[in-house]
Amino acid sequence: MKKIDTQDPREKLTKARMQLLMAFPFFGELVMRLVLHESKTAGV
């Protein structure tokens, strides 16, 4: 019955990595839209 796992640095890292993985697709889409918009307005 050890509840230390919530303060385990490895678990924190895993949670952070999961959040990063969940945020990445949105981030990538945002960047792609920005790039596409830039190229459209630039007339390339």
PDB file of N, CA and C in Angstrom:
ATOM      1  N   MET A   1       0.836  -1.215   0.000  1.00  0.00           N
ATOM      2  CA  MET A   1       0.000   0.000   0.000  1.00  0.00           C
ATOM      3  C   MET A   1       0.861   1.251   0.000  1.00  0.00           C
ATOM      4  N   LYS A   2       1.729   1.345  -0.961  1.00  0.00           N
ATOM      5  CA  LYS A   2       2.541   2.558  -1.003  1.00  0.00           C
ATOM      6  C   LYS A   2       1.992   3.523  -2.054  1.00  0.00           C
ATOM      7  N   LYS A   3       1.688   4.741  -1.618  1.00  0.00           N
ATOM      8  CA  LYS A   3       1.102   5.751  -2.504  1.00  0.00           C
ATOM      9  C   LYS A   3       2.176   6.726  -2.988  1.00  0.00           C
ATOM     10  N   ILE A   4       3.386   6.227  -3.124  1.00  0.00           N
ATOM     11  CA  ILE A   4       4.495   7.090  -3.531  1.00  0.00           C
ATOM     12  C   ILE A   4       4.489   7.294  -5.047  1.00  0.00           C
ATOM     13  N   ASP A   5       3.799   6.404  -5.762  1.00  0.00           N
ATOM     14  CA  ASP A   5       3.837   6.459  -7.219  1.00  0.00           C
ATOM     15  C   ASP A   5       3.319   7.782  -7.785  1.00  0.00           C
ATOM     16  N   THR A   6       2.514   8.519  -7.002  1.00  0.00           N
ATOM     17  CA  THR A   6       2.024   9.800  -7.497  1.00  0.00           C
ATOM     18  C   THR A   6       3.139  10.838  -7.488  1.00  0.00           C
ATOM     19  N   GLN A   7       4.134  10.627  -6.621  1.00  0.00           N
ATOM     20  CA  GLN A   7       5.251  11.560  -6.546  1.00  0.00           C
ATOM     21  C   GLN A   7       6.494  10.980  -7.211  1.00  0.00           C
ATOM     22  N   ASP A   8       6.292   9.904  -7.963  1.00  0.00           N
ATOM     23  CA  ASP A   8       7.405   9.284  -8.669  1.00  0.00           C
ATOM     24  C   ASP A   8       7.748  10.137  -9.885  1.00  0.00           C
ATOM     25  N   PRO A   9       8.992  10.587 -10.000  1.00  0.00           N
ATOM     26  CA  PRO A   9       9.380  11.429 -11.137  1.00  0.00           C
ATOM     27  C   PRO A   9       9.121  10.765 -12.479  1.00  0.00           C
ATOM     28  N   ARG A  10       9.252   9.440 -12.502  1.00  0.00           N
ATOM     29  CA  ARG A  10       9.016   8.729 -13.765  1.00  0.00           C
ATOM     30  C   ARG A  10       7.555   8.829 -14.186  1.00  0.00           C
ATOM     31  N   GLU A  11       6.650   8.745 -13.197  1.00  0.00           N
ATOM     32  CA  GLU A  11       5.226   8.851 -13.529  1.00  0.00           C
ATOM     33  C   GLU A  11       4.904  10.269 -13.997  1.00  0.00           C
ATOM     34  N   LYS A  12       5.528  11.254 -13.361  1.00  0.00           N
ATOM     35  CA  LYS A  12       5.325  12.643 -13.777  1.00  0.00           C
ATOM     36  C   LYS A  12       5.788  12.814 -15.217  1.00  0.00           C
ATOM     37  N   LEU A  13       6.917  12.217 -15.530  1.00  0.00           N
ATOM     38  CA  LEU A  13       7.477  12.305 -16.878  1.00  0.00           C
ATOM     39  C   LEU A  13       6.532  11.652 -17.880  1.00  0.00           C
ATOM     40  N   THR A  14       5.986  10.501 -17.495  1.00  0.00           N
ATOM     41  CA  THR A  14       5.061   9.793 -18.386  1.00  0.00           C
ATOM     42  C   THR A  14       3.816  10.629 -18.630  1.00  0.00           C
ATOM     43  N   LYS A  15       3.297  11.260 -17.567  1.00  0.00           N
ATOM     44  CA  LYS A  15       2.102  12.096 -17.709  1.00  0.00           C
ATOM     45  C   LYS A  15       2.401  13.280 -18.615  1.00  0.00           C
ATOM     46  N   ALA A  16       3.560  13.887 -18.423  1.00  0.00           N
ATOM     47  CA  ALA A  16       3.957  15.026 -19.249  1.00  0.00           C
ATOM     48  C   ALA A  16       4.088  14.598 -20.704  1.00  0.00           C
ATOM     49  N   ARG A  17       4.650  13.422 -20.902  1.00  0.00           N
ATOM     50  CA  ARG A  17       4.837  12.911 -22.265  1.00  0.00           C
ATOM     51  C   ARG A  17       3.479  12.645 -22.918  1.00  0.00           C
ATOM     52  N   MET A  18       2.539  12.111 -22.132  1.00  0.00           N
ATOM     53  CA  MET A  18       1.197  11.844 -22.655  1.00  0.00           C
ATOM     54  C   MET A  18       0.516  13.145 -23.057  1.00  0.00           C
ATOM     55  N   GLN A  19       0.649  14.175 -22.210  1.00  0.00           N
ATOM     56  CA  GLN A  19       0.053  15.474 -22.520  1.00  0.00           C
ATOM     57  C   GLN A  19       0.679  16.047 -23.781  1.00  0.00           C
ATOM     58  N   LEU A  20       1.983  15.879 -23.922  1.00  0.00           N
ATOM     59  CA  LEU A  20       2.697  16.377 -25.090  1.00  0.00           C
ATOM     60  C   LEU A  20       2.198  15.667 -26.342  1.00  0.00           C
ATOM     61  N   LEU A  21       2.041  14.339 -26.240  1.00  0.00           N
ATOM     62  CA  LEU A  21       1.566  13.553 -27.382  1.00  0.00           C
ATOM     63  C   LEU A  21       0.143  13.947 -27.763  1.00  0.00           C
ATOM     64  N   MET A  22      -0.670  14.266 -26.754  1.00  0.00           N
ATOM     65  CA  MET A  22      -2.049  14.660 -27.033  1.00  0.00           C
ATOM     66  C   MET A  22      -2.106  16.056 -27.638  1.00  0.00           C
ATOM     67  N   ALA A  23      -1.180  16.916 -27.226  1.00  0.00           N
ATOM     68  CA  ALA A  23      -1.176  18.295 -27.715  1.00  0.00           C
ATOM     69  C   ALA A  23      -0.499  18.413 -29.071  1.00  0.00           C
ATOM     70  N   PHE A  24       0.385  17.479 -29.393  1.00  0.00           N
ATOM     71  CA  PHE A  24       1.177  17.589 -30.621  1.00  0.00           C
ATOM     72  C   PHE A  24       0.354  17.632 -31.905  1.00  0.00           C
ATOM     73  N   PRO A  25      -0.637  16.742 -32.086  1.00  0.00           N
ATOM     74  CA  PRO A  25      -1.430  16.788 -33.326  1.00  0.00           C
ATOM     75  C   PRO A  25      -2.074  18.150 -33.558  1.00  0.00           C
ATOM     76  N   PHE A  26      -2.648  18.743 -32.501  1.00  0.00           N
ATOM     77  CA  PHE A  26      -3.264  20.061 -32.631  1.00  0.00           C
ATOM     78  C   PHE A  26      -2.201  21.085 -32.997  1.00  0.00           C
ATOM     79  N   PHE A  27      -1.047  20.968 -32.352  1.00  0.00           N
ATOM     80  CA  PHE A  27       0.067  21.879 -32.598  1.00  0.00           C
ATOM     81  C   PHE A  27       0.516  21.781 -34.048  1.00  0.00           C
ATOM     82  N   GLY A  28       0.689  20.549 -34.510  1.00  0.00           N
ATOM     83  CA  GLY A  28       1.133  20.325 -35.884  1.00  0.00           C
ATOM     84  C   GLY A  28       0.137  20.878 -36.885  1.00  0.00           C
ATOM     85  N   GLU A  29      -1.156  20.669 -36.597  1.00  0.00           N
ATOM     86  CA  GLU A  29      -2.194  21.163 -37.504  1.00  0.00           C
ATOM     87  C   GLU A  29      -2.170  22.685 -37.546  1.00  0.00           C
ATOM     88  N   LEU A  30      -1.985  23.293 -36.375  1.00  0.00           N
ATOM     89  CA  LEU A  30      -1.932  24.752 -36.292  1.00  0.00           C
ATOM     90  C   LEU A  30      -0.775  25.286 -37.124  1.00  0.00           C
ATOM     91  N   VAL A  31       0.392  24.662 -36.973  1.00  0.00           N
ATOM     92  CA  VAL A  31       1.578  25.081 -37.723  1.00  0.00           C
ATOM     93  C   VAL A  31       1.345  24.919 -39.219  1.00  0.00           C
ATOM     94  N   MET A  32       0.764  23.777 -39.607  1.00  0.00           N
ATOM     95  CA  MET A  32       0.506  23.531 -41.027  1.00  0.00           C
ATOM     96  C   MET A  32      -0.444  24.576 -41.593  1.00  0.00           C
ATOM     97  N   ARG A  33      -1.481  24.907 -40.840  1.00  0.00           N
ATOM     98  CA  ARG A  33      -2.445  25.914 -41.296  1.00  0.00           C
ATOM     99  C   ARG A  33      -1.767  27.262 -41.450  1.00  0.00           C
ATOM    100  N   LEU A  34      -0.913  27.600 -40.478  1.00  0.00           N
ATOM    101  CA  LEU A  34      -0.185  28.867 -40.546  1.00  0.00           C
ATOM    102  C   LEU A  34       0.683  28.912 -41.789  1.00  0.00           C
ATOM    103  N   VAL A  35       1.420  27.840 -42.030  1.00  0.00           N
ATOM    104  CA  VAL A  35       2.318  27.772 -43.189  1.00  0.00           C
ATOM    105  C   VAL A  35       1.520  27.869 -44.484  1.00  0.00           C
ATOM    106  N   LEU A  36       0.417  27.122 -44.562  1.00  0.00           N
ATOM    107  CA  LEU A  36      -0.414  27.148 -45.766  1.00  0.00           C
ATOM    108  C   LEU A  36      -0.990  28.541 -45.982  1.00  0.00           C
ATOM    109  N   HIS A  37      -1.436  29.165 -44.902  1.00  0.00           N
ATOM    110  CA  HIS A  37      -2.009  30.506 -44.993  1.00  0.00           C
ATOM    111  C   HIS A  37      -0.950  31.498 -45.467  1.00  0.00           C
ATOM    112  N   GLU A  38       0.254  31.367 -44.905  1.00  0.00           N
ATOM    113  CA  GLU A  38       1.359  32.255 -45.283  1.00  0.00           C
ATOM    114  C   GLU A  38       1.663  32.122 -46.765  1.00  0.00           C
ATOM    115  N   SER A  39       1.739  30.893 -47.249  1.00  0.00           N
ATOM    116  CA  SER A  39       2.082  30.669 -48.656  1.00  0.00           C
ATOM    117  C   SER A  39       0.963  31.182 -49.566  1.00  0.00           C
ATOM    118  N   LYS A  40      -0.285  31.084 -49.112  1.00  0.00           N
ATOM    119  CA  LYS A  40      -1.412  31.569 -49.919  1.00  0.00           C
ATOM    120  C   LYS A  40      -1.377  33.088 -50.015  1.00  0.00           C
ATOM    121  N   THR A  41      -1.160  33.758 -48.887  1.00  0.00           N
ATOM    122  CA  THR A  41      -1.158  35.220 -48.882  1.00  0.00           C
ATOM    123  C   THR A  41       0.062  35.762 -49.612  1.00  0.00           C
ATOM    124  N   ALA A  42       1.149  34.990 -49.612  1.00  0.00           N
ATOM    125  CA  ALA A  42       2.364  35.430 -50.298  1.00  0.00           C
ATOM    126  C   ALA A  42       2.238  35.225 -51.802  1.00  0.00           C
ATOM    127  N   GLY A  43       1.252  34.430 -52.219  1.00  0.00           N
ATOM    128  CA  GLY A  43       1.039  34.202 -53.642  1.00  0.00           C
ATOM    129  C   GLY A  43       2.014  33.216 -54.232  1.00  0.00           C
ATOM    130  N   VAL A  44       2.488  32.278 -53.410  1.00  0.00           N
ATOM    131  CA  VAL A  44       3.446  31.281 -53.905  1.00  0.00           C
ATOM    132  C   VAL A  44       2.681  30.131 -54.541  1.00  0.00           C
TER     133      VAL A  44
END
